[in-house]
Amino acid sequence: MSKSTKNTKCQILTAALEVVRRAGSPALTLDAVAEEAGLSKGGLLYNFPSKDALIRGMVEFLAGKFEAEIAAARENSGGAASPTLAAMVDVTEGWLSEQRDVARAILPATADKPDLRQPFIDVKLRLRAAILKETSQLGAAWVIWTSLEGLHFSEAHCVSTLTDEDRTAVFEELRGRLKELNQ
């Protein structure tokens, strides 16, 4: 893929995410994304030949961004027993405040097409494999992991009853449990 094509795809995906963030998944049309990206519909279709291809591209883009942020945070994990899990706590906390609207909007767009979620599943499988190598305290590790998943899914499904203060307390508790993995 040429640099120009890659830049155009990134421009389209950024525009699609902005459409979803601003107006929700019902507003995700090829016309709306083309307009937001400043391209013709033909230009969009050249890069993403269908709405499903666009949604898959969005999920791949977000999954790649999430994994890259985990990798960067892993480098700054400060000697945690599981640098991957520590990075997941930090990155998930950020995503719950910064990407919440996108998660809420992408979920309905992929609900009846589970294969479109595969990029995130692949990332999670790689993260799981890293955690398996980093700690022998797997029960404690999976408690932290499933807490993160629960927070994410309750936000994505718009059923969270936690206040911002509650969420902060949960992340403080998870960080405390991470420290216990070191002992």
N, C-alpha and C. Protein backbone atom coordinates (compact mmCIF):
# COMPACT_ATOMS: atom_id res chain seq x y z
N MET A 1 0.85 -1.17 0.00
CA MET A 1 0.00 0.00 0.00
C MET A 1 0.90 1.24 0.00
N SER A 2 0.61 2.16 -0.91
CA SER A 2 1.42 3.37 -0.98
C SER A 2 1.12 4.28 0.20
N LYS A 3 2.05 5.20 0.45
CA LYS A 3 1.86 6.13 1.57
C LYS A 3 0.62 6.98 1.36
N SER A 4 0.37 7.37 0.11
CA SER A 4 -0.81 8.18 -0.21
C SER A 4 -2.10 7.42 0.09
N THR A 5 -2.14 6.14 -0.33
CA THR A 5 -3.32 5.31 -0.06
C THR A 5 -3.52 5.12 1.43
N LYS A 6 -2.41 4.88 2.14
CA LYS A 6 -2.49 4.70 3.59
C LYS A 6 -3.00 5.97 4.26
N ASN A 7 -2.52 7.13 3.82
CA ASN A 7 -2.98 8.40 4.39
C ASN A 7 -4.46 8.63 4.09
N THR A 8 -4.89 8.29 2.88
CA THR A 8 -6.30 8.45 2.52
C THR A 8 -7.17 7.54 3.38
N LYS A 9 -6.74 6.29 3.56
CA LYS A 9 -7.51 5.37 4.40
C LYS A 9 -7.59 5.89 5.83
N CYS A 10 -6.49 6.40 6.35
CA CYS A 10 -6.49 6.96 7.70
C CYS A 10 -7.43 8.16 7.78
N GLN A 11 -7.42 8.99 6.76
CA GLN A 11 -8.31 10.16 6.70
C GLN A 11 -9.77 9.70 6.71
N ILE A 12 -10.08 8.67 5.93
CA ILE A 12 -11.45 8.14 5.87
C ILE A 12 -11.86 7.55 7.21
N LEU A 13 -10.99 6.76 7.81
CA LEU A 13 -11.32 6.12 9.09
C LEU A 13 -11.49 7.16 10.20
N THR A 14 -10.65 8.17 10.20
CA THR A 14 -10.79 9.25 11.18
C THR A 14 -12.12 9.97 10.98
N ALA A 15 -12.49 10.20 9.72
CA ALA A 15 -13.77 10.85 9.42
C ALA A 15 -14.94 9.96 9.86
N ALA A 16 -14.84 8.66 9.60
CA ALA A 16 -15.91 7.73 9.99
C ALA A 16 -16.08 7.72 11.51
N LEU A 17 -14.98 7.69 12.22
CA LEU A 17 -15.06 7.71 13.68
C LEU A 17 -15.65 9.01 14.19
N GLU A 18 -15.35 10.10 13.52
CA GLU A 18 -15.92 11.40 13.92
C GLU A 18 -17.43 11.42 13.68
N VAL A 19 -17.87 10.87 12.55
CA VAL A 19 -19.31 10.79 12.27
C VAL A 19 -20.00 9.99 13.37
N VAL A 20 -19.43 8.85 13.72
CA VAL A 20 -20.01 7.99 14.76
C VAL A 20 -19.97 8.68 16.12
N ARG A 21 -18.87 9.32 16.42
CA ARG A 21 -18.73 10.01 17.72
C ARG A 21 -19.77 11.13 17.84
N ARG A 22 -19.97 11.84 16.77
CA ARG A 22 -20.86 13.00 16.79
C ARG A 22 -22.33 12.60 16.75
N ALA A 23 -22.68 11.58 15.94
CA ALA A 23 -24.09 11.33 15.70
C ALA A 23 -24.53 9.88 15.91
N GLY A 24 -23.62 9.00 16.29
CA GLY A 24 -23.99 7.61 16.54
C GLY A 24 -23.96 6.75 15.29
N SER A 25 -24.10 5.44 15.49
CA SER A 25 -23.96 4.50 14.37
C SER A 25 -25.03 4.65 13.30
N PRO A 26 -26.27 5.09 13.61
CA PRO A 26 -27.23 5.27 12.51
C PRO A 26 -26.77 6.30 11.48
N ALA A 27 -25.93 7.23 11.90
CA ALA A 27 -25.44 8.28 10.99
C ALA A 27 -24.28 7.80 10.13
N LEU A 28 -23.77 6.60 10.39
CA LEU A 28 -22.63 6.08 9.64
C LEU A 28 -23.10 5.60 8.27
N THR A 29 -23.08 6.50 7.33
CA THR A 29 -23.39 6.17 5.94
C THR A 29 -22.16 6.49 5.11
N LEU A 30 -22.07 5.86 3.97
CA LEU A 30 -20.93 6.13 3.09
C LEU A 30 -20.93 7.59 2.66
N ASP A 31 -22.11 8.13 2.39
CA ASP A 31 -22.20 9.54 1.99
C ASP A 31 -21.70 10.46 3.11
N ALA A 32 -22.11 10.20 4.34
CA ALA A 32 -21.70 11.05 5.47
C ALA A 32 -20.20 10.98 5.69
N VAL A 33 -19.64 9.79 5.56
CA VAL A 33 -18.19 9.63 5.77
C VAL A 33 -17.42 10.31 4.65
N ALA A 34 -17.88 10.14 3.41
CA ALA A 34 -17.21 10.80 2.28
C ALA A 34 -17.22 12.31 2.47
N GLU A 35 -18.36 12.85 2.87
CA GLU A 35 -18.46 14.29 3.10
C GLU A 35 -17.53 14.74 4.22
N GLU A 36 -17.52 14.00 5.33
CA GLU A 36 -16.67 14.35 6.47
C GLU A 36 -15.19 14.28 6.08
N ALA A 37 -14.84 13.32 5.22
CA ALA A 37 -13.44 13.14 4.80
C ALA A 37 -13.04 14.11 3.69
N GLY A 38 -14.03 14.79 3.11
CA GLY A 38 -13.73 15.70 2.01
C GLY A 38 -13.40 14.96 0.72
N LEU A 39 -14.02 13.80 0.54
CA LEU A 39 -13.79 12.98 -0.64
C LEU A 39 -15.10 12.74 -1.37
N SER A 40 -14.98 12.30 -2.61
CA SER A 40 -16.18 11.86 -3.31
C SER A 40 -16.55 10.47 -2.78
N LYS A 41 -17.80 10.09 -3.00
CA LYS A 41 -18.22 8.76 -2.57
C LYS A 41 -17.40 7.70 -3.33
N GLY A 42 -17.09 7.98 -4.58
CA GLY A 42 -16.26 7.07 -5.37
C GLY A 42 -14.88 6.89 -4.76
N GLY A 43 -14.31 7.99 -4.26
CA GLY A 43 -13.00 7.92 -3.60
C GLY A 43 -13.06 7.07 -2.34
N LEU A 44 -14.16 7.20 -1.61
CA LEU A 44 -14.33 6.37 -0.42
C LEU A 44 -14.48 4.90 -0.82
N LEU A 45 -15.31 4.64 -1.83
CA LEU A 45 -15.56 3.26 -2.26
C LEU A 45 -14.31 2.60 -2.85
N TYR A 46 -13.41 3.40 -3.41
CA TYR A 46 -12.15 2.85 -3.90
C TYR A 46 -11.36 2.23 -2.75
N ASN A 47 -11.40 2.88 -1.60
CA ASN A 47 -10.65 2.41 -0.43
C ASN A 47 -11.43 1.41 0.42
N PHE A 48 -12.73 1.60 0.50
CA PHE A 48 -13.60 0.71 1.29
C PHE A 48 -14.83 0.42 0.43
N PRO A 49 -14.85 -0.73 -0.25
CA PRO A 49 -15.90 -1.00 -1.24
C PRO A 49 -17.30 -1.24 -0.69
N SER A 50 -17.45 -1.30 0.63
CA SER A 50 -18.78 -1.49 1.22
C SER A 50 -18.78 -0.90 2.63
N LYS A 51 -19.98 -0.76 3.17
CA LYS A 51 -20.09 -0.28 4.54
C LYS A 51 -19.45 -1.27 5.51
N ASP A 52 -19.63 -2.57 5.26
CA ASP A 52 -18.99 -3.57 6.12
C ASP A 52 -17.47 -3.44 6.07
N ALA A 53 -16.92 -3.19 4.89
CA ALA A 53 -15.46 -3.01 4.77
C ALA A 53 -15.02 -1.78 5.55
N LEU A 54 -15.83 -0.74 5.52
CA LEU A 54 -15.51 0.47 6.29
C LEU A 54 -15.56 0.18 7.79
N ILE A 55 -16.59 -0.51 8.23
CA ILE A 55 -16.71 -0.84 9.66
C ILE A 55 -15.55 -1.73 10.09
N ARG A 56 -15.20 -2.72 9.27
CA ARG A 56 -14.06 -3.57 9.59
C ARG A 56 -12.80 -2.72 9.68
N GLY A 57 -12.64 -1.79 8.75
CA GLY A 57 -11.49 -0.88 8.79
C GLY A 57 -11.46 -0.05 10.06
N MET A 58 -12.63 0.42 10.48
CA MET A 58 -12.71 1.20 11.72
C MET A 58 -12.30 0.35 12.92
N VAL A 59 -12.80 -0.88 12.98
CA VAL A 59 -12.47 -1.76 14.10
C VAL A 59 -10.98 -2.09 14.07
N GLU A 60 -10.43 -2.37 12.89
CA GLU A 60 -8.99 -2.64 12.78
C GLU A 60 -8.17 -1.43 13.22
N PHE A 61 -8.61 -0.25 12.81
CA PHE A 61 -7.93 1.00 13.17
C PHE A 61 -7.93 1.18 14.69
N LEU A 62 -9.10 1.01 15.30
CA LEU A 62 -9.20 1.16 16.76
C LEU A 62 -8.42 0.08 17.49
N ALA A 63 -8.51 -1.16 17.01
CA ALA A 63 -7.77 -2.25 17.65
C ALA A 63 -6.27 -2.00 17.56
N GLY A 64 -5.81 -1.54 16.41
CA GLY A 64 -4.39 -1.22 16.24
C GLY A 64 -3.96 -0.09 17.15
N LYS A 65 -4.82 0.92 17.26
CA LYS A 65 -4.51 2.05 18.14
C LYS A 65 -4.44 1.58 19.60
N PHE A 66 -5.40 0.76 20.01
CA PHE A 66 -5.43 0.24 21.37
C PHE A 66 -4.16 -0.56 21.65
N GLU A 67 -3.81 -1.45 20.73
CA GLU A 67 -2.63 -2.29 20.93
C GLU A 67 -1.35 -1.44 20.96
N ALA A 68 -1.27 -0.42 20.12
CA ALA A 68 -0.10 0.46 20.12
C ALA A 68 0.01 1.23 21.44
N GLU A 69 -1.13 1.68 21.96
CA GLU A 69 -1.12 2.39 23.24
C GLU A 69 -0.72 1.45 24.38
N ILE A 70 -1.16 0.20 24.31
CA ILE A 70 -0.76 -0.80 25.31
C ILE A 70 0.76 -1.00 25.25
N ALA A 71 1.29 -1.14 24.04
CA ALA A 71 2.73 -1.35 23.87
C ALA A 71 3.52 -0.18 24.44
N ALA A 72 3.06 1.04 24.18
CA ALA A 72 3.75 2.23 24.70
C ALA A 72 3.66 2.28 26.22
N ALA A 73 2.48 1.99 26.76
CA ALA A 73 2.29 2.03 28.21
C ALA A 73 3.07 0.90 28.89
N ARG A 74 3.22 -0.22 28.21
CA ARG A 74 3.98 -1.35 28.76
C ARG A 74 5.42 -0.92 29.03
N GLU A 75 5.96 -0.08 28.17
CA GLU A 75 7.34 0.40 28.34
C GLU A 75 7.49 1.25 29.60
N ASN A 76 6.39 1.86 30.05
CA ASN A 76 6.42 2.73 31.23
C ASN A 76 5.76 2.08 32.44
N SER A 77 5.73 0.77 32.48
CA SER A 77 4.98 0.08 33.54
C SER A 77 5.72 0.01 34.87
N GLY A 78 6.94 0.48 34.93
CA GLY A 78 7.66 0.60 36.19
C GLY A 78 7.86 -0.67 36.98
N GLY A 79 8.22 -1.75 36.31
CA GLY A 79 8.54 -2.98 37.03
C GLY A 79 7.34 -3.76 37.53
N ALA A 80 6.18 -3.55 36.96
CA ALA A 80 4.99 -4.30 37.36
C ALA A 80 5.19 -5.79 37.08
N ALA A 81 4.58 -6.63 37.89
CA ALA A 81 4.68 -8.08 37.69
C ALA A 81 4.13 -8.48 36.33
N SER A 82 3.13 -7.78 35.87
CA SER A 82 2.57 -8.00 34.53
C SER A 82 2.50 -6.65 33.83
N PRO A 83 3.55 -6.29 33.11
CA PRO A 83 3.55 -5.00 32.42
C PRO A 83 2.37 -4.85 31.45
N THR A 84 1.98 -5.96 30.83
CA THR A 84 0.85 -5.89 29.90
C THR A 84 -0.43 -5.55 30.63
N LEU A 85 -0.69 -6.20 31.74
CA LEU A 85 -1.90 -5.94 32.51
C LEU A 85 -1.88 -4.52 33.08
N ALA A 86 -0.73 -4.07 33.56
CA ALA A 86 -0.62 -2.70 34.07
C ALA A 86 -0.92 -1.70 32.95
N ALA A 87 -0.41 -1.98 31.76
CA ALA A 87 -0.67 -1.10 30.62
C ALA A 87 -2.15 -1.12 30.25
N MET A 88 -2.76 -2.29 30.33
CA MET A 88 -4.19 -2.39 30.02
C MET A 88 -5.02 -1.56 30.98
N VAL A 89 -4.67 -1.55 32.25
CA VAL A 89 -5.40 -0.74 33.23
C VAL A 89 -5.29 0.73 32.85
N ASP A 90 -4.07 1.19 32.58
CA ASP A 90 -3.87 2.60 32.25
C ASP A 90 -4.59 3.00 30.95
N VAL A 91 -4.43 2.18 29.93
CA VAL A 91 -5.02 2.51 28.63
C VAL A 91 -6.54 2.43 28.69
N THR A 92 -7.07 1.41 29.35
CA THR A 92 -8.52 1.28 29.45
C THR A 92 -9.12 2.47 30.18
N GLU A 93 -8.47 2.93 31.22
CA GLU A 93 -8.98 4.10 31.94
C GLU A 93 -9.08 5.30 30.99
N GLY A 94 -8.06 5.50 30.18
CA GLY A 94 -8.11 6.60 29.21
C GLY A 94 -9.19 6.41 28.17
N TRP A 95 -9.29 5.19 27.66
CA TRP A 95 -10.28 4.93 26.61
C TRP A 95 -11.71 5.09 27.12
N LEU A 96 -11.95 4.76 28.38
CA LEU A 96 -13.31 4.89 28.90
C LEU A 96 -13.74 6.35 28.97
N SER A 97 -12.79 7.25 29.06
CA SER A 97 -13.18 8.66 29.05
C SER A 97 -13.07 9.26 27.66
N GLU A 98 -12.11 8.81 26.85
CA GLU A 98 -11.87 9.44 25.55
C GLU A 98 -12.59 8.76 24.39
N GLN A 99 -12.79 7.45 24.46
CA GLN A 99 -13.36 6.70 23.33
C GLN A 99 -14.74 6.12 23.65
N ARG A 100 -15.33 6.53 24.73
CA ARG A 100 -16.61 5.96 25.17
C ARG A 100 -17.69 6.07 24.09
N ASP A 101 -17.82 7.22 23.48
CA ASP A 101 -18.86 7.41 22.47
C ASP A 101 -18.64 6.51 21.27
N VAL A 102 -17.39 6.31 20.89
CA VAL A 102 -17.09 5.45 19.75
C VAL A 102 -17.46 4.01 20.07
N ALA A 103 -17.11 3.54 21.25
CA ALA A 103 -17.45 2.16 21.64
C ALA A 103 -18.96 1.97 21.62
N ARG A 104 -19.68 2.95 22.12
CA ARG A 104 -21.15 2.85 22.15
C ARG A 104 -21.73 2.80 20.75
N ALA A 105 -21.11 3.51 19.82
CA ALA A 105 -21.64 3.57 18.47
C ALA A 105 -21.21 2.38 17.61
N ILE A 106 -20.00 1.88 17.83
CA ILE A 106 -19.51 0.75 17.03
C ILE A 106 -20.25 -0.53 17.39
N LEU A 107 -20.61 -0.69 18.64
CA LEU A 107 -21.26 -1.92 19.09
C LEU A 107 -22.50 -2.26 18.25
N PRO A 108 -23.45 -1.35 18.06
CA PRO A 108 -24.62 -1.71 17.24
C PRO A 108 -24.24 -2.00 15.78
N ALA A 109 -23.21 -1.33 15.29
CA ALA A 109 -22.81 -1.53 13.90
C ALA A 109 -22.22 -2.92 13.67
N THR A 110 -21.71 -3.55 14.72
CA THR A 110 -21.12 -4.88 14.59
C THR A 110 -21.97 -5.98 15.22
N ALA A 111 -23.11 -5.61 15.79
CA ALA A 111 -23.91 -6.56 16.58
C ALA A 111 -24.34 -7.78 15.78
N ASP A 112 -24.77 -7.59 14.55
CA ASP A 112 -25.25 -8.72 13.77
C ASP A 112 -24.19 -9.28 12.82
N LYS A 113 -22.95 -8.81 12.97
CA LYS A 113 -21.85 -9.28 12.13
C LYS A 113 -20.63 -9.53 13.01
N PRO A 114 -20.64 -10.63 13.77
CA PRO A 114 -19.57 -10.87 14.74
C PRO A 114 -18.17 -10.91 14.12
N ASP A 115 -18.06 -11.30 12.84
CA ASP A 115 -16.74 -11.36 12.22
C ASP A 115 -16.08 -9.99 12.13
N LEU A 116 -16.87 -8.92 12.18
CA LEU A 116 -16.31 -7.57 12.13
C LEU A 116 -15.57 -7.22 13.42
N ARG A 117 -15.83 -7.97 14.49
CA ARG A 117 -15.16 -7.71 15.77
C ARG A 117 -13.83 -8.46 15.90
N GLN A 118 -13.52 -9.29 14.92
CA GLN A 118 -12.34 -10.15 15.00
C GLN A 118 -11.04 -9.40 15.26
N PRO A 119 -10.82 -8.22 14.69
CA PRO A 119 -9.56 -7.52 14.99
C PRO A 119 -9.34 -7.29 16.48
N PHE A 120 -10.38 -6.93 17.22
CA PHE A 120 -10.22 -6.74 18.67
C PHE A 120 -9.99 -8.07 19.38
N ILE A 121 -10.66 -9.11 18.92
CA ILE A 121 -10.45 -10.43 19.52
C ILE A 121 -8.99 -10.85 19.32
N ASP A 122 -8.45 -10.60 18.14
CA ASP A 122 -7.05 -10.96 17.87
C ASP A 122 -6.10 -10.20 18.79
N VAL A 123 -6.36 -8.92 19.00
CA VAL A 123 -5.54 -8.12 19.93
C VAL A 123 -5.63 -8.72 21.33
N LYS A 124 -6.83 -9.02 21.76
CA LYS A 124 -7.01 -9.56 23.11
C LYS A 124 -6.32 -10.91 23.28
N LEU A 125 -6.32 -11.73 22.24
CA LEU A 125 -5.61 -13.00 22.33
C LEU A 125 -4.10 -12.78 22.48
N ARG A 126 -3.55 -11.79 21.78
CA ARG A 126 -2.12 -11.48 21.93
C ARG A 126 -1.83 -10.94 23.33
N LEU A 127 -2.72 -10.10 23.85
CA LEU A 127 -2.53 -9.57 25.20
C LEU A 127 -2.60 -10.70 26.23
N ARG A 128 -3.54 -11.60 26.04
CA ARG A 128 -3.68 -12.74 26.95
C ARG A 128 -2.40 -13.58 26.94
N ALA A 129 -1.86 -13.84 25.76
CA ALA A 129 -0.63 -14.62 25.66
C ALA A 129 0.52 -13.93 26.39
N ALA A 130 0.59 -12.62 26.29
CA ALA A 130 1.65 -11.87 26.99
C ALA A 130 1.48 -12.00 28.50
N ILE A 131 0.26 -11.88 28.98
CA ILE A 131 0.00 -11.99 30.42
C ILE A 131 0.36 -13.39 30.93
N LEU A 132 0.05 -14.41 30.15
CA LEU A 132 0.39 -15.78 30.54
C LEU A 132 1.90 -15.95 30.75
N LYS A 133 2.68 -15.20 29.99
CA LYS A 133 4.15 -15.27 30.12
C LYS A 133 4.67 -14.43 31.28
N GLU A 134 3.88 -13.45 31.72
CA GLU A 134 4.36 -12.47 32.69
C GLU A 134 4.07 -12.81 34.15
N THR A 135 3.04 -13.58 34.40
CA THR A 135 2.69 -13.85 35.79
C THR A 135 2.17 -15.27 35.95
N SER A 136 2.44 -15.83 37.10
CA SER A 136 1.90 -17.16 37.42
C SER A 136 0.62 -17.03 38.24
N GLN A 137 0.31 -15.82 38.68
CA GLN A 137 -0.89 -15.57 39.49
C GLN A 137 -2.06 -15.26 38.56
N LEU A 138 -2.45 -16.27 37.82
CA LEU A 138 -3.43 -16.06 36.76
C LEU A 138 -4.81 -15.73 37.29
N GLY A 139 -5.22 -16.31 38.40
CA GLY A 139 -6.53 -15.97 38.96
C GLY A 139 -6.64 -14.48 39.24
N ALA A 140 -5.63 -13.93 39.89
CA ALA A 140 -5.62 -12.50 40.19
C ALA A 140 -5.55 -11.67 38.91
N ALA A 141 -4.77 -12.15 37.95
CA ALA A 141 -4.65 -11.43 36.67
C ALA A 141 -5.99 -11.40 35.94
N TRP A 142 -6.70 -12.53 35.94
CA TRP A 142 -7.98 -12.57 35.22
C TRP A 142 -9.06 -11.76 35.95
N VAL A 143 -8.96 -11.64 37.26
CA VAL A 143 -9.89 -10.76 37.99
C VAL A 143 -9.71 -9.32 37.50
N ILE A 144 -8.47 -8.89 37.36
CA ILE A 144 -8.21 -7.54 36.86
C ILE A 144 -8.70 -7.41 35.43
N TRP A 145 -8.36 -8.39 34.59
CA TRP A 145 -8.77 -8.37 33.18
C TRP A 145 -10.29 -8.29 33.06
N THR A 146 -11.00 -9.17 33.78
CA THR A 146 -12.46 -9.18 33.64
C THR A 146 -13.10 -7.92 34.23
N SER A 147 -12.46 -7.31 35.20
CA SER A 147 -12.95 -6.02 35.70
C SER A 147 -12.87 -4.97 34.60
N LEU A 148 -11.76 -4.96 33.88
CA LEU A 148 -11.61 -4.02 32.77
C LEU A 148 -12.65 -4.29 31.69
N GLU A 149 -12.85 -5.57 31.38
CA GLU A 149 -13.85 -5.93 30.38
C GLU A 149 -15.25 -5.49 30.82
N GLY A 150 -15.56 -5.73 32.09
CA GLY A 150 -16.86 -5.33 32.61
C GLY A 150 -17.08 -3.83 32.54
N LEU A 151 -16.06 -3.07 32.89
CA LEU A 151 -16.16 -1.61 32.79
C LEU A 151 -16.41 -1.20 31.35
N HIS A 152 -15.63 -1.78 30.45
CA HIS A 152 -15.78 -1.43 29.03
C HIS A 152 -17.17 -1.78 28.52
N PHE A 153 -17.61 -3.00 28.78
CA PHE A 153 -18.89 -3.42 28.23
C PHE A 153 -20.07 -2.69 28.86
N SER A 154 -20.00 -2.37 30.14
CA SER A 154 -21.10 -1.61 30.74
C SER A 154 -21.18 -0.21 30.13
N GLU A 155 -20.04 0.36 29.80
CA GLU A 155 -20.05 1.67 29.12
C GLU A 155 -20.55 1.53 27.69
N ALA A 156 -20.06 0.52 26.97
CA ALA A 156 -20.46 0.33 25.58
C ALA A 156 -21.95 0.05 25.45
N HIS A 157 -22.52 -0.65 26.43
CA HIS A 157 -23.95 -0.97 26.40
C HIS A 157 -24.80 0.09 27.10
N CYS A 158 -24.16 1.16 27.55
CA CYS A 158 -24.87 2.27 28.21
C CYS A 158 -25.64 1.81 29.45
N VAL A 159 -25.07 0.88 30.20
CA VAL A 159 -25.74 0.41 31.41
C VAL A 159 -24.91 0.66 32.67
N SER A 160 -23.83 1.40 32.54
CA SER A 160 -23.00 1.67 33.71
C SER A 160 -23.73 2.62 34.66
N THR A 161 -23.68 2.30 35.93
CA THR A 161 -24.26 3.18 36.94
C THR A 161 -23.16 3.88 37.75
N LEU A 162 -21.91 3.67 37.36
CA LEU A 162 -20.80 4.26 38.09
C LEU A 162 -20.64 5.74 37.76
N THR A 163 -20.35 6.51 38.79
CA THR A 163 -20.00 7.92 38.58
C THR A 163 -18.52 7.98 38.21
N ASP A 164 -18.06 9.13 37.80
CA ASP A 164 -16.63 9.29 37.52
C ASP A 164 -15.80 8.98 38.76
N GLU A 165 -16.31 9.39 39.92
CA GLU A 165 -15.59 9.12 41.17
C GLU A 165 -15.55 7.61 41.45
N ASP A 166 -16.66 6.92 41.20
CA ASP A 166 -16.70 5.47 41.38
C ASP A 166 -15.67 4.80 40.47
N ARG A 167 -15.64 5.23 39.22
CA ARG A 167 -14.73 4.65 38.24
C ARG A 167 -13.28 4.88 38.66
N THR A 168 -12.99 6.07 39.15
CA THR A 168 -11.64 6.37 39.64
C THR A 168 -11.27 5.43 40.78
N ALA A 169 -12.21 5.19 41.69
CA ALA A 169 -11.96 4.28 42.81
C ALA A 169 -11.71 2.86 42.32
N VAL A 170 -12.43 2.44 41.29
CA VAL A 170 -12.21 1.10 40.73
C VAL A 170 -10.79 0.99 40.17
N PHE A 171 -10.37 2.00 39.43
CA PHE A 171 -9.02 1.94 38.86
C PHE A 171 -7.94 1.99 39.94
N GLU A 172 -8.19 2.72 41.00
CA GLU A 172 -7.23 2.71 42.12
C GLU A 172 -7.15 1.32 42.73
N GLU A 173 -8.29 0.67 42.89
CA GLU A 173 -8.31 -0.70 43.42
C GLU A 173 -7.58 -1.67 42.49
N LEU A 174 -7.81 -1.54 41.20
CA LEU A 174 -7.13 -2.42 40.25
C LEU A 174 -5.62 -2.23 40.29
N ARG A 175 -5.19 -0.98 40.42
CA ARG A 175 -3.75 -0.73 40.53
C ARG A 175 -3.18 -1.33 41.82
N GLY A 176 -3.96 -1.28 42.89
CA GLY A 176 -3.54 -1.93 44.14
C GLY A 176 -3.40 -3.43 43.96
N ARG A 177 -4.33 -4.02 43.25
CA ARG A 177 -4.27 -5.46 43.01
C ARG A 177 -3.09 -5.82 42.11
N LEU A 178 -2.75 -4.92 41.19
CA LEU A 178 -1.56 -5.15 40.37
C LEU A 178 -0.30 -5.22 41.23
N LYS A 179 -0.22 -4.34 42.22
CA LYS A 179 0.94 -4.33 43.12
C LYS A 179 1.02 -5.64 43.89
N GLU A 180 -0.14 -6.21 44.24
CA GLU A 180 -0.17 -7.49 44.96
C GLU A 180 0.40 -8.63 44.12
N LEU A 181 0.32 -8.49 42.79
CA LEU A 181 0.91 -9.52 41.92
C LEU A 181 2.43 -9.58 42.11
N ASN A 182 3.02 -8.46 42.52
CA ASN A 182 4.48 -8.41 42.72
C ASN A 182 4.90 -9.12 43.99
N GLN A 183 4.00 -9.34 44.91
CA GLN A 183 4.37 -9.88 46.23
C GLN A 183 4.36 -11.38 46.25
